[in-house]
Amino acid sequence: MGVQRCICSHVTLDEVVRRAQAGQNFEQICSDTGCCQGCGMCRPYVHLAIETGRSQLPILSPAQAEAVLNRAQARQRQEESRATEDSAN
């Protein structure tokens, strides 16, 4: 047994993966589906689904969840930096 969906918004991680593969980023997925906007427990799982393309995930320890969120923050900073560079050119 593992994590397969956002419970608050009834959004499956299959849907998250499909949207990520279609080019949506985390913010767009959350805005469109409502995931990560309730209790927040799904946030590391949504990030991990986007990162790995997997929709059936093991239950994460607090340390594992923190590591996923840290990687997501680092990716977001890189994307913002690239967007800033692109707009300057």
Protein backbone atom coordinates (compact mmCIF):
# COMPACT_ATOMS: atom_id res chain seq x y z
CA MET A 1 0.00 0.00 0.00
CA GLY A 2 1.23 3.47 -0.78
CA VAL A 3 0.08 6.88 -1.91
CA GLN A 4 -1.85 7.19 -5.16
CA ARG A 5 -3.86 10.42 -4.84
CA CYS A 6 -4.57 13.72 -3.16
CA ILE A 7 -7.33 12.87 -0.72
CA CYS A 8 -8.67 16.41 -0.24
CA SER A 9 -9.17 17.13 -3.95
CA HIS A 10 -9.71 13.54 -5.15
CA VAL A 11 -6.92 13.92 -7.74
CA THR A 12 -4.98 10.80 -8.66
CA LEU A 13 -1.25 10.87 -9.13
CA ASP A 14 -1.97 9.36 -12.57
CA GLU A 15 -3.63 12.69 -13.42
CA VAL A 16 -0.66 14.60 -12.00
CA VAL A 17 1.78 12.56 -14.10
CA ARG A 18 -0.34 13.00 -17.26
CA ARG A 19 -0.41 16.78 -16.76
CA ALA A 20 3.34 16.94 -16.06
CA GLN A 21 4.07 14.91 -19.20
CA ALA A 22 1.86 17.35 -21.13
CA GLY A 23 4.13 20.18 -19.98
CA GLN A 24 2.37 21.59 -16.92
CA ASN A 25 4.50 22.58 -13.95
CA PHE A 26 3.67 22.08 -10.27
CA GLU A 27 1.87 25.41 -9.89
CA GLN A 28 -0.27 24.84 -12.98
CA ILE A 29 -1.18 21.31 -11.91
CA CYS A 30 -2.19 22.48 -8.43
CA SER A 31 -4.17 25.42 -9.80
CA ASP A 32 -6.03 23.28 -12.33
CA THR A 33 -6.74 20.29 -10.07
CA GLY A 34 -6.88 21.73 -6.55
CA CYS A 35 -4.27 19.29 -5.27
CA CYS A 36 -1.92 20.54 -2.53
CA GLN A 37 -4.46 23.17 -1.54
CA GLY A 38 -6.15 21.31 1.30
CA CYS A 39 -4.23 19.67 4.13
CA GLY A 40 -0.93 19.69 2.19
CA MET A 41 0.00 16.09 2.97
CA CYS A 42 0.14 15.27 -0.75
CA ARG A 43 2.64 18.02 -1.60
CA PRO A 44 5.80 15.85 -1.48
CA TYR A 45 3.99 13.07 -3.35
CA VAL A 46 2.84 15.40 -6.12
CA HIS A 47 6.40 16.71 -6.47
CA LEU A 48 7.76 13.15 -6.49
CA ALA A 49 5.21 12.06 -9.13
CA ILE A 50 6.27 14.98 -11.31
CA GLU A 51 9.96 14.21 -10.71
CA THR A 52 9.77 10.47 -11.38
CA GLY A 53 6.72 9.99 -13.60
CA ARG A 54 5.44 7.39 -11.13
CA SER A 55 1.87 7.46 -9.84
CA GLN A 56 2.08 4.78 -7.16
CA LEU A 57 4.47 5.91 -4.48
CA PRO A 58 5.63 4.47 -1.17
CA ILE A 59 4.78 6.24 2.05
CA LEU A 60 7.65 8.63 2.73
CA SER A 61 9.38 9.16 6.04
CA PRO A 62 9.54 12.78 7.23
CA ALA A 63 13.19 12.94 6.11
CA GLN A 64 12.34 11.57 2.66
CA ALA A 65 9.46 14.04 2.28
CA GLU A 66 11.74 16.91 3.26
CA ALA A 67 14.34 15.79 0.70
CA VAL A 68 11.70 15.71 -2.05
CA LEU A 69 10.52 19.20 -1.13
CA ASN A 70 14.11 20.51 -1.04
CA ARG A 71 14.77 19.14 -4.54
CA ALA A 72 11.53 20.72 -5.76
CA GLN A 73 12.53 24.09 -4.34
CA ALA A 74 15.92 23.84 -6.03
CA ARG A 75 14.25 23.02 -9.39
CA GLN A 76 11.88 25.96 -8.97
CA ARG A 77 14.80 28.33 -8.31
CA GLN A 78 16.56 27.03 -11.45
CA GLU A 79 13.40 27.52 -13.54
CA GLU A 80 12.96 31.05 -12.21
CA SER A 81 16.60 31.83 -12.94
CA ARG A 82 16.27 30.53 -16.51
CA ALA A 83 13.08 32.55 -17.03
CA THR A 84 14.86 35.68 -15.80
CA GLU A 85 17.80 35.04 -18.12
CA ASP A 86 15.47 34.39 -21.07
CA SER A 87 13.54 37.60 -20.49
CA ALA A 88 16.80 39.57 -20.28
CA ASN A 89 17.89 38.29 -23.71
